[in-house]
Amino acid sequence: MDTGSTVNIIFSDTFRRMNIELKEVLPTPKPLTDFSSVTEMTLGSIKLLGMEKEVTKIVDFAVVDYPAIYNLIMGTPWLNAMKAVPSTYHLGIKFPTQNGSSVIWGSQKQSRLCLLAEQKLRHIMTTSMVNPKREKTTQPPAENVSQKDDPKSSPQATALDEENKKTSEPNTTT
């Protein structure tokens, strides 16, 4: 559940695990911007039956082909349709049913694990995008090190060597 999301999102990986064909997606791509201002295009949308406790609703999902640790994200459209009251402090959501009201409780431990896993996934993705794999190049053997890589051949080291030679040579003029 994401109280800041203006759409309900289902990830294509979850979609495939549910054995739903992509041809069932209504192909109406729309831009979707995340909280870090990165914009992705959706593959389209699909309506699925959502059953929460005693309540059954048809939920409209935006299908996104983007790796995530979540199966889906229930946003404000679902919260409004359910007439739900979320509590991020209590990790719960309360909504009316035919027999009164019902509550779905979250788990602090699971929330923490999801957060850490999502951060790890994002780090892997950004690292692979910043540092694409390159072909291996063979390093030259140590004895063939170029002068620019050799600290003894730097201009400062050469100047010091010249200075040392002058002071260490005996003075032949007297």
Protein backbone atom coordinates (compact mmCIF):
# COMPACT_ATOMS: atom_id res chain seq x y z
CA MET A 1 0.00 0.00 0.00
CA ASP A 2 1.30 3.43 -0.93
CA THR A 3 -0.78 6.37 0.22
CA GLY A 4 1.19 8.66 -2.10
CA SER A 5 0.63 6.65 -5.27
CA THR A 6 -2.06 7.96 -7.60
CA VAL A 7 -2.31 4.61 -9.43
CA ASN A 8 -2.52 0.95 -8.53
CA ILE A 9 0.53 -0.80 -9.98
CA ILE A 10 1.16 -4.41 -10.88
CA PHE A 11 4.63 -5.42 -12.00
CA SER A 12 5.00 -7.50 -15.15
CA ASP A 13 6.91 -10.20 -13.25
CA THR A 14 3.91 -10.69 -10.95
CA PHE A 15 1.65 -10.60 -13.97
CA ARG A 16 3.58 -13.47 -15.57
CA ARG A 17 3.59 -15.53 -12.35
CA MET A 18 -0.20 -15.23 -12.30
CA ASN A 19 -0.19 -16.85 -15.78
CA ILE A 20 -1.94 -13.88 -17.33
CA GLU A 21 -1.01 -13.20 -20.94
CA LEU A 22 0.28 -9.74 -21.84
CA LYS A 23 -2.28 -9.67 -24.66
CA GLU A 24 -4.94 -9.20 -21.93
CA VAL A 25 -3.43 -5.83 -21.06
CA LEU A 26 -5.27 -2.89 -22.58
CA PRO A 27 -2.37 -1.27 -24.48
CA THR A 28 -2.71 2.34 -23.35
CA PRO A 29 0.80 3.31 -22.26
CA LYS A 30 0.97 6.27 -19.90
CA PRO A 31 3.90 8.02 -18.25
CA LEU A 32 4.47 7.09 -14.64
CA THR A 33 6.84 9.20 -12.52
CA ASP A 34 8.29 7.84 -9.29
CA PHE A 35 9.32 9.80 -6.21
CA SER A 36 12.85 10.32 -7.56
CA SER A 37 11.40 11.99 -10.71
CA VAL A 38 12.26 9.07 -13.01
CA THR A 39 9.58 8.61 -15.66
CA GLU A 40 8.72 5.18 -17.08
CA MET A 41 6.00 4.25 -19.54
CA THR A 42 3.42 1.70 -18.47
CA LEU A 43 2.67 -1.26 -20.72
CA GLY A 44 -1.02 -0.50 -20.35
CA SER A 45 -3.75 -1.30 -17.85
CA ILE A 46 -5.80 -4.25 -16.72
CA LYS A 47 -8.78 -4.76 -14.46
CA LEU A 48 -8.44 -7.58 -11.94
CA LEU A 49 -10.70 -8.87 -9.22
CA GLY A 50 -9.38 -7.96 -5.77
CA MET A 51 -10.65 -9.75 -2.68
CA GLU A 52 -9.80 -8.33 0.73
CA LYS A 53 -11.39 -10.13 3.66
CA GLU A 54 -15.17 -9.93 2.92
CA VAL A 55 -14.94 -7.21 0.25
CA THR A 56 -14.54 -7.89 -3.48
CA LYS A 57 -13.76 -5.06 -5.88
CA ILE A 58 -12.61 -4.77 -9.48
CA VAL A 59 -9.26 -3.00 -9.36
CA ASP A 60 -7.71 -1.13 -12.29
CA PHE A 61 -3.93 -1.67 -12.39
CA ALA A 62 -1.21 0.00 -14.44
CA VAL A 63 1.14 -2.71 -15.72
CA VAL A 64 4.81 -1.78 -15.39
CA ASP A 65 7.81 -3.68 -16.72
CA TYR A 66 10.19 -2.68 -13.96
CA PRO A 67 12.00 -4.94 -11.47
CA ALA A 68 10.71 -4.68 -7.92
CA ILE A 69 10.51 -6.76 -4.80
CA TYR A 70 6.78 -6.09 -4.52
CA ASN A 71 4.02 -7.93 -6.32
CA LEU A 72 1.89 -4.82 -6.66
CA ILE A 73 1.27 -1.42 -5.14
CA MET A 74 -2.18 -0.48 -3.97
CA GLY A 75 -2.51 3.28 -4.32
CA THR A 76 -5.11 5.89 -3.45
CA PRO A 77 -7.62 4.71 -6.10
CA TRP A 78 -7.89 1.36 -4.25
CA LEU A 79 -7.96 3.05 -0.84
CA ASN A 80 -10.81 5.30 -2.00
CA ALA A 81 -12.74 2.43 -3.61
CA MET A 82 -12.44 0.42 -0.38
CA LYS A 83 -13.39 3.47 1.74
CA ALA A 84 -10.31 2.50 3.69
CA VAL A 85 -8.50 4.37 6.44
CA PRO A 86 -4.77 3.60 6.43
CA SER A 87 -2.52 4.04 9.45
CA THR A 88 1.17 4.06 8.63
CA TYR A 89 1.93 4.37 12.35
CA HIS A 90 0.05 1.15 13.18
CA LEU A 91 0.88 -0.57 9.88
CA GLY A 92 -2.77 -1.27 9.34
CA ILE A 93 -5.71 -0.45 7.17
CA LYS A 94 -9.33 -0.46 8.27
CA PHE A 95 -12.28 -0.59 5.89
CA PRO A 96 -16.04 -1.15 6.11
CA THR A 97 -17.59 -4.52 5.32
CA GLN A 98 -21.16 -5.80 5.23
CA ASN A 99 -20.71 -7.08 8.81
CA GLY A 100 -19.08 -3.98 10.31
CA SER A 101 -15.44 -3.30 9.60
CA SER A 102 -12.29 -5.26 8.97
CA VAL A 103 -8.59 -4.59 9.50
CA ILE A 104 -5.53 -5.77 7.59
CA TRP A 105 -2.38 -5.58 9.71
CA GLY A 106 1.13 -5.25 8.39
CA SER A 107 4.32 -6.54 9.96
CA GLN A 108 7.11 -4.22 11.12
CA LYS A 109 9.68 -6.94 10.46
CA GLN A 110 8.40 -7.63 6.93
CA SER A 111 8.23 -3.90 6.17
CA ARG A 112 11.85 -3.49 7.23
CA LEU A 113 12.96 -6.49 5.14
CA CYS A 114 11.10 -5.13 2.10
CA LEU A 115 12.71 -1.73 2.52
CA LEU A 116 16.20 -3.21 2.74
CA ALA A 117 15.61 -5.54 -0.22
CA GLU A 118 14.25 -2.67 -2.33
CA GLN A 119 17.26 -0.49 -1.50
CA LYS A 120 19.61 -3.33 -2.45
CA LEU A 121 17.78 -3.86 -5.75
CA ARG A 122 17.91 -0.13 -6.56
CA HIS A 123 21.64 -0.04 -5.73
CA ILE A 124 22.31 -2.99 -8.03
CA MET A 125 20.26 -1.41 -10.82
CA THR A 126 21.89 2.02 -10.55
CA THR A 127 25.37 0.49 -10.32
CA SER A 128 24.80 -1.64 -13.42
CA MET A 129 23.45 1.39 -15.29
CA VAL A 130 26.38 3.61 -14.27
CA ASN A 131 29.12 0.99 -14.75
CA PRO A 132 28.15 -1.17 -17.73
CA LYS A 133 30.16 -4.35 -18.15
CA ARG A 134 33.23 -3.93 -20.31
CA GLU A 135 35.44 -6.47 -21.99
CA LYS A 136 38.38 -7.62 -19.95
CA THR A 137 41.68 -6.15 -21.04
CA THR A 138 44.95 -7.75 -20.20
CA GLN A 139 47.25 -5.74 -17.96
CA PRO A 140 50.83 -5.24 -19.14
CA PRO A 141 53.43 -7.15 -17.13
CA ALA A 142 55.02 -5.24 -14.25
CA GLU A 143 58.38 -4.82 -16.05
CA ASN A 144 56.66 -3.09 -18.99
CA VAL A 145 55.10 -0.35 -16.89
CA SER A 146 55.03 2.94 -18.76
CA GLN A 147 56.92 5.93 -17.42
CA LYS A 148 53.72 7.77 -16.50
CA ASP A 149 52.72 4.87 -14.20
CA ASP A 150 56.17 4.64 -12.60
CA PRO A 151 56.43 6.96 -9.56
CA LYS A 152 60.24 7.08 -10.00
CA SER A 153 59.92 8.54 -13.51
CA SER A 154 57.70 11.49 -12.61
CA PRO A 155 59.11 14.97 -13.27
CA GLN A 156 59.44 15.58 -9.52
CA ALA A 157 61.31 12.31 -8.99
CA THR A 158 63.60 13.02 -11.97
CA ALA A 159 64.39 16.49 -10.62
CA LEU A 160 65.16 15.01 -7.19
CA ASP A 161 67.44 12.39 -8.75
CA GLU A 162 69.34 15.12 -10.63
CA GLU A 163 69.67 17.14 -7.42
CA ASN A 164 70.93 14.08 -5.50
CA LYS A 165 73.54 13.35 -8.21
CA LYS A 166 74.87 16.89 -8.00
CA THR A 167 75.24 16.79 -4.23
CA SER A 168 76.65 13.26 -4.12
CA GLU A 169 79.27 13.79 -6.83
CA PRO A 170 82.64 14.86 -5.52
CA ASN A 171 83.61 18.42 -6.26
CA THR A 172 86.53 18.22 -8.67
CA THR A 173 87.13 21.94 -9.00
CA THR A 174 89.36 23.36 -6.30
